[in-house]
Structures are given as structure tokens and as C-alpha cells.
Amino acid sequence: MRSEDQDFIIQMVKELEQSIRHLVAEERRLTDKLGQERVAELLEFWQKRMPAEEEEAFKLALDHNDKKLTWIWLRLKRARQSRAKAGQALMKDRT
């Protein structure tokens, strides 16, 4: 791997780390605001463990903060996957 490519990946990982820290802080703020019971319901929905007949009604009842929290979970998942792939690319280059 060229040095420029390696530098780019390293910078990307740093930016991903910063994004992850920001998203985790926002996740904590929202989970505190929503409360444990609501977060548990949202997790059940997010992890697709909710019965299909309940899911549609649940979706209709989502408010802004509910949607924002699920958006944060999606962004965290993607950012962590990207960080892992970047780390793997750097490790492959060193072997």
C-alpha cells in the first residue's frame, strides 16, 4: 500500500473515532431522556424482535427522539463497520 493511501486510511479512522464518540454521547443523552422502558421497546423494534403485528403500530407511534435514537444506532453500526474494515486494510498491508 502506498504511503498516501495509508495516511488516508489513518485519517479516516481518526475521523470515524471522533464521529463514534459524538454519536455515543448523543446516544447517552437520548437514552437518559427517553428512559429505560422506552429504550428497551426501541431496542426490541431495532433488533427486529417485535411481533410483526405490533411493529406497524409501533412505527406509527415513533416520535422525533425515537427516530433520532434509531438513526444514531444505524450510524454507529456503520461507523464501527467502516473503522473495522479500515483497520483490517492497514493490518493486511503490514503482513
PDB file of N, CA and C in Angstrom:
ATOM      1  N   MET A   1       0.852  -1.175   0.000  1.00  0.00           N
ATOM      2  CA  MET A   1       0.000   0.000   0.000  1.00  0.00           C
ATOM      3  C   MET A   1       0.896   1.236   0.000  1.00  0.00           C
ATOM      4  N   ARG A   2       0.502   2.196  -0.796  1.00  0.00           N
ATOM      5  CA  ARG A   2       1.279   3.438  -0.868  1.00  0.00           C
ATOM      6  C   ARG A   2       1.123   4.225   0.428  1.00  0.00           C
ATOM      7  N   SER A   3       2.108   5.017   0.720  1.00  0.00           N
ATOM      8  CA  SER A   3       2.111   5.835   1.929  1.00  0.00           C
ATOM      9  C   SER A   3       0.912   6.782   1.970  1.00  0.00           C
ATOM     10  N   GLU A   4       0.563   7.346   0.812  1.00  0.00           N
ATOM     11  CA  GLU A   4      -0.581   8.272   0.755  1.00  0.00           C
ATOM     12  C   GLU A   4      -1.881   7.544   1.093  1.00  0.00           C
ATOM     13  N   ASP A   5      -2.002   6.313   0.601  1.00  0.00           N
ATOM     14  CA  ASP A   5      -3.195   5.520   0.894  1.00  0.00           C
ATOM     15  C   ASP A   5      -3.272   5.188   2.377  1.00  0.00           C
ATOM     16  N   GLN A   6      -2.135   4.836   2.934  1.00  0.00           N
ATOM     17  CA  GLN A   6      -2.076   4.514   4.358  1.00  0.00           C
ATOM     18  C   GLN A   6      -2.439   5.746   5.199  1.00  0.00           C
ATOM     19  N   ASP A   7      -1.883   6.890   4.814  1.00  0.00           N
ATOM     20  CA  ASP A   7      -2.191   8.131   5.538  1.00  0.00           C
ATOM     21  C   ASP A   7      -3.683   8.458   5.457  1.00  0.00           C
ATOM     22  N   PHE A   8      -4.264   8.226   4.282  1.00  0.00           N
ATOM     23  CA  PHE A   8      -5.694   8.479   4.112  1.00  0.00           C
ATOM     24  C   PHE A   8      -6.512   7.589   5.040  1.00  0.00           C
ATOM     25  N   ILE A   9      -6.166   6.307   5.095  1.00  0.00           N
ATOM     26  CA  ILE A   9      -6.911   5.371   5.949  1.00  0.00           C
ATOM     27  C   ILE A   9      -6.754   5.756   7.419  1.00  0.00           C
ATOM     28  N   ILE A  10      -5.568   6.123   7.813  1.00  0.00           N
ATOM     29  CA  ILE A  10      -5.339   6.530   9.206  1.00  0.00           C
ATOM     30  C   ILE A  10      -6.176   7.757   9.552  1.00  0.00           C
ATOM     31  N   GLN A  11      -6.217   8.730   8.636  1.00  0.00           N
ATOM     32  CA  GLN A  11      -7.030   9.933   8.865  1.00  0.00           C
ATOM     33  C   GLN A  11      -8.513   9.576   8.930  1.00  0.00           C
ATOM     34  N   MET A  12      -8.929   8.666   8.059  1.00  0.00           N
ATOM     35  CA  MET A  12     -10.321   8.231   8.050  1.00  0.00           C
ATOM     36  C   MET A  12     -10.685   7.579   9.388  1.00  0.00           C
ATOM     37  N   VAL A  13      -9.789   6.751   9.909  1.00  0.00           N
ATOM     38  CA  VAL A  13     -10.039   6.089  11.198  1.00  0.00           C
ATOM     39  C   VAL A  13     -10.162   7.135  12.309  1.00  0.00           C
ATOM     40  N   LYS A  14      -9.312   8.144  12.287  1.00  0.00           N
ATOM     41  CA  LYS A  14      -9.384   9.208  13.300  1.00  0.00           C
ATOM     42  C   LYS A  14     -10.727   9.929  13.233  1.00  0.00           C
ATOM     43  N   GLU A  15     -11.177  10.215  12.026  1.00  0.00           N
ATOM     44  CA  GLU A  15     -12.467  10.885  11.859  1.00  0.00           C
ATOM     45  C   GLU A  15     -13.619   9.983  12.283  1.00  0.00           C
ATOM     46  N   LEU A  16     -13.516   8.698  11.980  1.00  0.00           N
ATOM     47  CA  LEU A  16     -14.541   7.752  12.418  1.00  0.00           C
ATOM     48  C   LEU A  16     -14.592   7.675  13.937  1.00  0.00           C
ATOM     49  N   GLU A  17     -13.431   7.653  14.575  1.00  0.00           N
ATOM     50  CA  GLU A  17     -13.372   7.623  16.041  1.00  0.00           C
ATOM     51  C   GLU A  17     -14.052   8.855  16.626  1.00  0.00           C
ATOM     52  N   GLN A  18     -13.806  10.000  16.038  1.00  0.00           N
ATOM     53  CA  GLN A  18     -14.424  11.235  16.518  1.00  0.00           C
ATOM     54  C   GLN A  18     -15.948  11.169  16.328  1.00  0.00           C
ATOM     55  N   SER A  19     -16.385  10.689  15.194  1.00  0.00           N
ATOM     56  CA  SER A  19     -17.825  10.542  14.937  1.00  0.00           C
ATOM     57  C   SER A  19     -18.458   9.573  15.930  1.00  0.00           C
ATOM     58  N   ILE A  20     -17.787   8.461  16.181  1.00  0.00           N
ATOM     59  CA  ILE A  20     -18.309   7.465  17.119  1.00  0.00           C
ATOM     60  C   ILE A  20     -18.442   8.060  18.510  1.00  0.00           C
ATOM     61  N   ARG A  21     -17.428   8.794  18.955  1.00  0.00           N
ATOM     62  CA  ARG A  21     -17.503   9.426  20.286  1.00  0.00           C
ATOM     63  C   ARG A  21     -18.691  10.392  20.359  1.00  0.00           C
ATOM     64  N   HIS A  22     -18.888  11.179  19.319  1.00  0.00           N
ATOM     65  CA  HIS A  22     -20.004  12.130  19.286  1.00  0.00           C
ATOM     66  C   HIS A  22     -21.349  11.387  19.310  1.00  0.00           C
ATOM     67  N   LEU A  23     -21.465  10.341  18.498  1.00  0.00           N
ATOM     68  CA  LEU A  23     -22.708   9.575  18.438  1.00  0.00           C
ATOM     69  C   LEU A  23     -23.005   8.874  19.760  1.00  0.00           C
ATOM     70  N   VAL A  24     -21.980   8.331  20.408  1.00  0.00           N
ATOM     71  CA  VAL A  24     -22.174   7.664  21.701  1.00  0.00           C
ATOM     72  C   VAL A  24     -22.659   8.669  22.748  1.00  0.00           C
ATOM     73  N   ALA A  25     -22.094   9.870  22.727  1.00  0.00           N
ATOM     74  CA  ALA A  25     -22.535  10.899  23.673  1.00  0.00           C
ATOM     75  C   ALA A  25     -23.990  11.273  23.416  1.00  0.00           C
ATOM     76  N   GLU A  26     -24.369  11.407  22.156  1.00  0.00           N
ATOM     77  CA  GLU A  26     -25.757  11.729  21.811  1.00  0.00           C
ATOM     78  C   GLU A  26     -26.688  10.566  22.163  1.00  0.00           C
ATOM     79  N   GLU A  27     -26.213   9.337  21.966  1.00  0.00           N
ATOM     80  CA  GLU A  27     -26.994   8.160  22.345  1.00  0.00           C
ATOM     81  C   GLU A  27     -27.270   8.168  23.849  1.00  0.00           C
ATOM     82  N   ARG A  28     -26.261   8.460  24.641  1.00  0.00           N
ATOM     83  CA  ARG A  28     -26.439   8.511  26.104  1.00  0.00           C
ATOM     84  C   ARG A  28     -27.451   9.584  26.494  1.00  0.00           C
ATOM     85  N   ARG A  29     -27.334  10.750  25.864  1.00  0.00           N
ATOM     86  CA  ARG A  29     -28.244  11.852  26.171  1.00  0.00           C
ATOM     87  C   ARG A  29     -29.690  11.449  25.867  1.00  0.00           C
ATOM     88  N   LEU A  30     -29.885  10.843  24.700  1.00  0.00           N
ATOM     89  CA  LEU A  30     -31.237  10.448  24.316  1.00  0.00           C
ATOM     90  C   LEU A  30     -31.778   9.302  25.166  1.00  0.00           C
ATOM     91  N   THR A  31     -30.947   8.330  25.488  1.00  0.00           N
ATOM     92  CA  THR A  31     -31.430   7.216  26.311  1.00  0.00           C
ATOM     93  C   THR A  31     -31.813   7.702  27.707  1.00  0.00           C
ATOM     94  N   ASP A  32     -31.056   8.665  28.236  1.00  0.00           N
ATOM     95  CA  ASP A  32     -31.427   9.252  29.526  1.00  0.00           C
ATOM     96  C   ASP A  32     -32.763   9.981  29.421  1.00  0.00           C
ATOM     97  N   LYS A  33     -32.950  10.689  28.332  1.00  0.00           N
ATOM     98  CA  LYS A  33     -34.173  11.462  28.121  1.00  0.00           C
ATOM     99  C   LYS A  33     -35.395  10.551  27.927  1.00  0.00           C
ATOM    100  N   LEU A  34     -35.216   9.480  27.168  1.00  0.00           N
ATOM    101  CA  LEU A  34     -36.334   8.591  26.848  1.00  0.00           C
ATOM    102  C   LEU A  34     -36.696   7.634  27.978  1.00  0.00           C
ATOM    103  N   GLY A  35     -35.711   7.253  28.757  1.00  0.00           N
ATOM    104  CA  GLY A  35     -35.957   6.316  29.854  1.00  0.00           C
ATOM    105  C   GLY A  35     -35.739   4.872  29.441  1.00  0.00           C
ATOM    106  N   GLN A  36     -35.454   4.044  30.437  1.00  0.00           N
ATOM    107  CA  GLN A  36     -35.103   2.644  30.195  1.00  0.00           C
ATOM    108  C   GLN A  36     -36.207   1.855  29.506  1.00  0.00           C
ATOM    109  N   GLU A  37     -37.434   2.075  29.909  1.00  0.00           N
ATOM    110  CA  GLU A  37     -38.541   1.302  29.341  1.00  0.00           C
ATOM    111  C   GLU A  37     -38.705   1.586  27.846  1.00  0.00           C
ATOM    112  N   ARG A  38     -38.676   2.872  27.477  1.00  0.00           N
ATOM    113  CA  ARG A  38     -38.834   3.222  26.064  1.00  0.00           C
ATOM    114  C   ARG A  38     -37.644   2.732  25.249  1.00  0.00           C
ATOM    115  N   VAL A  39     -36.452   2.863  25.794  1.00  0.00           N
ATOM    116  CA  VAL A  39     -35.258   2.396  25.086  1.00  0.00           C
ATOM    117  C   VAL A  39     -35.331   0.883  24.875  1.00  0.00           C
ATOM    118  N   ALA A  40     -35.831   0.160  25.867  1.00  0.00           N
ATOM    119  CA  ALA A  40     -35.985  -1.293  25.722  1.00  0.00           C
ATOM    120  C   ALA A  40     -36.957  -1.616  24.587  1.00  0.00           C
ATOM    121  N   GLU A  41     -38.051  -0.868  24.503  1.00  0.00           N
ATOM    122  CA  GLU A  41     -39.009  -1.071  23.403  1.00  0.00           C
ATOM    123  C   GLU A  41     -38.359  -0.766  22.053  1.00  0.00           C
ATOM    124  N   LEU A  42     -37.608   0.316  22.006  1.00  0.00           N
ATOM    125  CA  LEU A  42     -36.938   0.685  20.758  1.00  0.00           C
ATOM    126  C   LEU A  42     -35.903  -0.357  20.352  1.00  0.00           C
ATOM    127  N   LEU A  43     -35.194  -0.901  21.328  1.00  0.00           N
ATOM    128  CA  LEU A  43     -34.223  -1.960  21.025  1.00  0.00           C
ATOM    129  C   LEU A  43     -34.915  -3.199  20.469  1.00  0.00           C
ATOM    130  N   GLU A  44     -36.040  -3.547  21.048  1.00  0.00           N
ATOM    131  CA  GLU A  44     -36.801  -4.697  20.551  1.00  0.00           C
ATOM    132  C   GLU A  44     -37.203  -4.462  19.090  1.00  0.00           C
ATOM    133  N   PHE A  45     -37.654  -3.256  18.797  1.00  0.00           N
ATOM    134  CA  PHE A  45     -38.021  -2.883  17.430  1.00  0.00           C
ATOM    135  C   PHE A  45     -36.789  -2.891  16.522  1.00  0.00           C
ATOM    136  N   TRP A  46     -35.711  -2.256  16.973  1.00  0.00           N
ATOM    137  CA  TRP A  46     -34.474  -2.133  16.198  1.00  0.00           C
ATOM    138  C   TRP A  46     -33.864  -3.503  15.881  1.00  0.00           C
ATOM    139  N   GLN A  47     -33.911  -4.398  16.835  1.00  0.00           N
ATOM    140  CA  GLN A  47     -33.322  -5.726  16.659  1.00  0.00           C
ATOM    141  C   GLN A  47     -34.293  -6.713  16.009  1.00  0.00           C
ATOM    142  N   LYS A  48     -35.428  -6.205  15.554  1.00  0.00           N
ATOM    143  CA  LYS A  48     -36.436  -6.995  14.836  1.00  0.00           C
ATOM    144  C   LYS A  48     -36.931  -8.186  15.663  1.00  0.00           C
ATOM    145  N   ARG A  49     -37.124  -7.937  16.963  1.00  0.00           N
ATOM    146  CA  ARG A  49     -37.655  -8.971  17.852  1.00  0.00           C
ATOM    147  C   ARG A  49     -39.122  -8.730  18.189  1.00  0.00           C
ATOM    148  N   MET A  50     -39.675  -7.665  17.627  1.00  0.00           N
ATOM    149  CA  MET A  50     -41.059  -7.311  17.900  1.00  0.00           C
ATOM    150  C   MET A  50     -41.977  -8.094  16.957  1.00  0.00           C
ATOM    151  N   PRO A  51     -43.074  -8.628  17.483  1.00  0.00           N
ATOM    152  CA  PRO A  51     -44.016  -9.330  16.606  1.00  0.00           C
ATOM    153  C   PRO A  51     -44.480  -8.414  15.463  1.00  0.00           C
ATOM    154  N   ALA A  52     -44.612  -8.970  14.291  1.00  0.00           N
ATOM    155  CA  ALA A  52     -44.957  -8.196  13.093  1.00  0.00           C
ATOM    156  C   ALA A  52     -46.250  -7.402  13.269  1.00  0.00           C
ATOM    157  N   GLU A  53     -47.214  -7.988  13.946  1.00  0.00           N
ATOM    158  CA  GLU A  53     -48.498  -7.300  14.115  1.00  0.00           C
ATOM    159  C   GLU A  53     -48.370  -6.075  15.023  1.00  0.00           C
ATOM    160  N   GLU A  54     -47.396  -6.063  15.912  1.00  0.00           N
ATOM    161  CA  GLU A  54     -47.163  -4.906  16.785  1.00  0.00           C
ATOM    162  C   GLU A  54     -46.249  -3.877  16.125  1.00  0.00           C
ATOM    163  N   GLU A  55     -45.398  -4.349  15.240  1.00  0.00           N
ATOM    164  CA  GLU A  55     -44.380  -3.480  14.643  1.00  0.00           C
ATOM    165  C   GLU A  55     -44.980  -2.300  13.881  1.00  0.00           C
ATOM    166  N   GLU A  56     -46.002  -2.538  13.100  1.00  0.00           N
ATOM    167  CA  GLU A  56     -46.593  -1.467  12.285  1.00  0.00           C
ATOM    168  C   GLU A  56     -47.165  -0.359  13.163  1.00  0.00           C
ATOM    169  N   ALA A  57     -47.906  -0.739  14.189  1.00  0.00           N
ATOM    170  CA  ALA A  57     -48.473   0.255  15.107  1.00  0.00           C
ATOM    171  C   ALA A  57     -47.359   0.977  15.862  1.00  0.00           C
ATOM    172  N   PHE A  58     -46.325   0.243  16.218  1.00  0.00           N
ATOM    173  CA  PHE A  58     -45.196   0.846  16.934  1.00  0.00           C
ATOM    174  C   PHE A  58     -44.523   1.900  16.061  1.00  0.00           C
ATOM    175  N   LYS A  59     -44.308   1.578  14.788  1.00  0.00           N
ATOM    176  CA  LYS A  59     -43.681   2.531  13.853  1.00  0.00           C
ATOM    177  C   LYS A  59     -44.475   3.822  13.764  1.00  0.00           C
ATOM    178  N   LEU A  60     -45.779   3.706  13.734  1.00  0.00           N
ATOM    179  CA  LEU A  60     -46.626   4.895  13.625  1.00  0.00           C
ATOM    180  C   LEU A  60     -46.551   5.781  14.868  1.00  0.00           C
ATOM    181  N   ALA A  61     -46.194   5.185  15.998  1.00  0.00           N
ATOM    182  CA  ALA A  61     -46.143   5.929  17.256  1.00  0.00           C
ATOM    183  C   ALA A  61     -44.759   6.522  17.548  1.00  0.00           C
ATOM    184  N   LEU A  62     -43.783   6.303  16.671  1.00  0.00           N
ATOM    185  CA  LEU A  62     -42.443   6.830  16.915  1.00  0.00           C
ATOM    186  C   LEU A  62     -42.436   8.359  16.845  1.00  0.00           C
ATOM    187  N   ASP A  63     -41.819   8.984  17.828  1.00  0.00           N
ATOM    188  CA  ASP A  63     -41.681  10.433  17.774  1.00  0.00           C
ATOM    189  C   ASP A  63     -40.266  10.798  17.303  1.00  0.00           C
ATOM    190  N   HIS A  64     -39.984  12.076  17.287  1.00  0.00           N
ATOM    191  CA  HIS A  64     -38.692  12.558  16.775  1.00  0.00           C
ATOM    192  C   HIS A  64     -37.509  11.929  17.514  1.00  0.00           C
ATOM    193  N   ASN A  65     -37.562  11.912  18.837  1.00  0.00           N
ATOM    194  CA  ASN A  65     -36.440  11.370  19.615  1.00  0.00           C
ATOM    195  C   ASN A  65     -36.281   9.868  19.409  1.00  0.00           C
ATOM    196  N   ASP A  66     -37.387   9.157  19.262  1.00  0.00           N
ATOM    197  CA  ASP A  66     -37.322   7.718  18.975  1.00  0.00           C
ATOM    198  C   ASP A  66     -36.592   7.487  17.648  1.00  0.00           C
ATOM    199  N   LYS A  67     -37.012   8.220  16.639  1.00  0.00           N
ATOM    200  CA  LYS A  67     -36.398   8.084  15.313  1.00  0.00           C
ATOM    201  C   LYS A  67     -34.933   8.492  15.334  1.00  0.00           C
ATOM    202  N   LYS A  68     -34.640   9.536  16.088  1.00  0.00           N
ATOM    203  CA  LYS A  68     -33.249  10.001  16.172  1.00  0.00           C
ATOM    204  C   LYS A  68     -32.366   8.939  16.818  1.00  0.00           C
ATOM    205  N   LEU A  69     -32.860   8.286  17.856  1.00  0.00           N
ATOM    206  CA  LEU A  69     -32.069   7.254  18.518  1.00  0.00           C
ATOM    207  C   LEU A  69     -31.817   6.077  17.574  1.00  0.00           C
ATOM    208  N   THR A  70     -32.826   5.649  16.837  1.00  0.00           N
ATOM    209  CA  THR A  70     -32.607   4.541  15.897  1.00  0.00           C
ATOM    210  C   THR A  70     -31.664   4.967  14.776  1.00  0.00           C
ATOM    211  N   TRP A  71     -31.720   6.225  14.360  1.00  0.00           N
ATOM    212  CA  TRP A  71     -30.779   6.755  13.359  1.00  0.00           C
ATOM    213  C   TRP A  71     -29.352   6.705  13.917  1.00  0.00           C
ATOM    214  N   ILE A  72     -29.201   7.076  15.180  1.00  0.00           N
ATOM    215  CA  ILE A  72     -27.879   7.037  15.825  1.00  0.00           C
ATOM    216  C   ILE A  72     -27.360   5.608  15.867  1.00  0.00           C
ATOM    217  N   TRP A  73     -28.213   4.654  16.198  1.00  0.00           N
ATOM    218  CA  TRP A  73     -27.785   3.250  16.225  1.00  0.00           C
ATOM    219  C   TRP A  73     -27.317   2.792  14.846  1.00  0.00           C
ATOM    220  N   LEU A  74     -28.025   3.216  13.814  1.00  0.00           N
ATOM    221  CA  LEU A  74     -27.626   2.870  12.451  1.00  0.00           C
ATOM    222  C   LEU A  74     -26.279   3.499  12.110  1.00  0.00           C
ATOM    223  N   ARG A  75     -26.103   4.761  12.428  1.00  0.00           N
ATOM    224  CA  ARG A  75     -24.835   5.457  12.143  1.00  0.00           C
ATOM    225  C   ARG A  75     -23.683   4.822  12.927  1.00  0.00           C
ATOM    226  N   LEU A  76     -23.919   4.465  14.184  1.00  0.00           N
ATOM    227  CA  LEU A  76     -22.880   3.808  14.980  1.00  0.00           C
ATOM    228  C   LEU A  76     -22.484   2.470  14.364  1.00  0.00           C
ATOM    229  N   LYS A  77     -23.466   1.715  13.937  1.00  0.00           N
ATOM    230  CA  LYS A  77     -23.182   0.418  13.322  1.00  0.00           C
ATOM    231  C   LYS A  77     -22.311   0.596  12.079  1.00  0.00           C
ATOM    232  N   ARG A  78     -22.701   1.521  11.237  1.00  0.00           N
ATOM    233  CA  ARG A  78     -21.938   1.763  10.007  1.00  0.00           C
ATOM    234  C   ARG A  78     -20.539   2.295  10.285  1.00  0.00           C
ATOM    235  N   ALA A  79     -20.421   3.220  11.227  1.00  0.00           N
ATOM    236  CA  ALA A  79     -19.117   3.793  11.554  1.00  0.00           C
ATOM    237  C   ALA A  79     -18.183   2.726  12.131  1.00  0.00           C
ATOM    238  N   ARG A  80     -18.715   1.882  12.975  1.00  0.00           N
ATOM    239  CA  ARG A  80     -17.890   0.812  13.556  1.00  0.00           C
ATOM    240  C   ARG A  80     -17.468  -0.209  12.508  1.00  0.00           C
ATOM    241  N   GLN A  81     -18.362  -0.510  11.576  1.00  0.00           N
ATOM    242  CA  GLN A  81     -18.007  -1.426  10.487  1.00  0.00           C
ATOM    243  C   GLN A  81     -16.914  -0.815   9.603  1.00  0.00           C
ATOM    244  N   SER A  82     -17.048   0.457   9.297  1.00  0.00           N
ATOM    245  CA  SER A  82     -16.044   1.136   8.471  1.00  0.00           C
ATOM    246  C   SER A  82     -14.695   1.190   9.179  1.00  0.00           C
ATOM    247  N   ARG A  83     -14.723   1.463  10.475  1.00  0.00           N
ATOM    248  CA  ARG A  83     -13.481   1.504  11.252  1.00  0.00           C
ATOM    249  C   ARG A  83     -12.809   0.134  11.249  1.00  0.00           C
ATOM    250  N   ALA A  84     -13.595  -0.920  11.396  1.00  0.00           N
ATOM    251  CA  ALA A  84     -13.037  -2.276  11.395  1.00  0.00           C
ATOM    252  C   ALA A  84     -12.421  -2.611  10.040  1.00  0.00           C
ATOM    253  N   LYS A  85     -13.100  -2.249   8.962  1.00  0.00           N
ATOM    254  CA  LYS A  85     -12.568  -2.518   7.620  1.00  0.00           C
ATOM    255  C   LYS A  85     -11.276  -1.748   7.371  1.00  0.00           C
ATOM    256  N   ALA A  86     -11.224  -0.515   7.839  1.00  0.00           N
ATOM    257  CA  ALA A  86     -10.003   0.284   7.672  1.00  0.00           C
ATOM    258  C   ALA A  86      -8.852  -0.341   8.459  1.00  0.00           C
ATOM    259  N   GLY A  87      -9.142  -0.780   9.666  1.00  0.00           N
ATOM    260  CA  GLY A  87      -8.118  -1.444  10.478  1.00  0.00           C
ATOM    261  C   GLY A  87      -7.620  -2.719   9.819  1.00  0.00           C
ATOM    262  N   GLN A  88      -8.538  -3.471   9.245  1.00  0.00           N
ATOM    263  CA  GLN A  88      -8.146  -4.701   8.550  1.00  0.00           C
ATOM    264  C   GLN A  88      -7.272  -4.383   7.352  1.00  0.00           C
ATOM    265  N   ALA A  89      -7.594  -3.327   6.620  1.00  0.00           N
ATOM    266  CA  ALA A  89      -6.789  -2.944   5.448  1.00  0.00           C
ATOM    267  C   ALA A  89      -5.384  -2.577   5.885  1.00  0.00           C
ATOM    268  N   LEU A  90      -5.251  -1.858   6.976  1.00  0.00           N
ATOM    269  CA  LEU A  90      -3.921  -1.495   7.473  1.00  0.00           C
ATOM    270  C   LEU A  90      -3.152  -2.720   7.963  1.00  0.00           C
ATOM    271  N   MET A  91      -3.859  -3.633   8.628  1.00  0.00           N
ATOM    272  CA  MET A  91      -3.182  -4.843   9.133  1.00  0.00           C
ATOM    273  C   MET A  91      -2.725  -5.741   7.982  1.00  0.00           C
ATOM    274  N   LYS A  92      -3.527  -5.875   6.942  1.00  0.00           N
ATOM    275  CA  LYS A  92      -3.151  -6.690   5.794  1.00  0.00           C
ATOM    276  C   LYS A  92      -1.891  -6.132   5.130  1.00  0.00           C
ATOM    277  N   ASP A  93      -1.791  -4.833   5.116  1.00  0.00           N
ATOM    278  CA  ASP A  93      -0.649  -4.187   4.493  1.00  0.00           C
ATOM    279  C   ASP A  93       0.633  -4.452   5.266  1.00  0.00           C
ATOM    280  N   ARG A  94       0.527  -4.656   6.537  1.00  0.00           N
ATOM    281  CA  ARG A  94       1.723  -4.853   7.380  1.00  0.00           C
ATOM    282  C   ARG A  94       2.212  -6.294   7.362  1.00  0.00           C
ATOM    283  N   THR A  95       1.395  -7.203   6.830  1.00  0.00           N
ATOM    284  CA  THR A  95       1.830  -8.612   6.821  1.00  0.00           C
ATOM    285  C   THR A  95       2.505  -8.976   5.542  1.00  0.00           C
TER     286      THR A  95
END
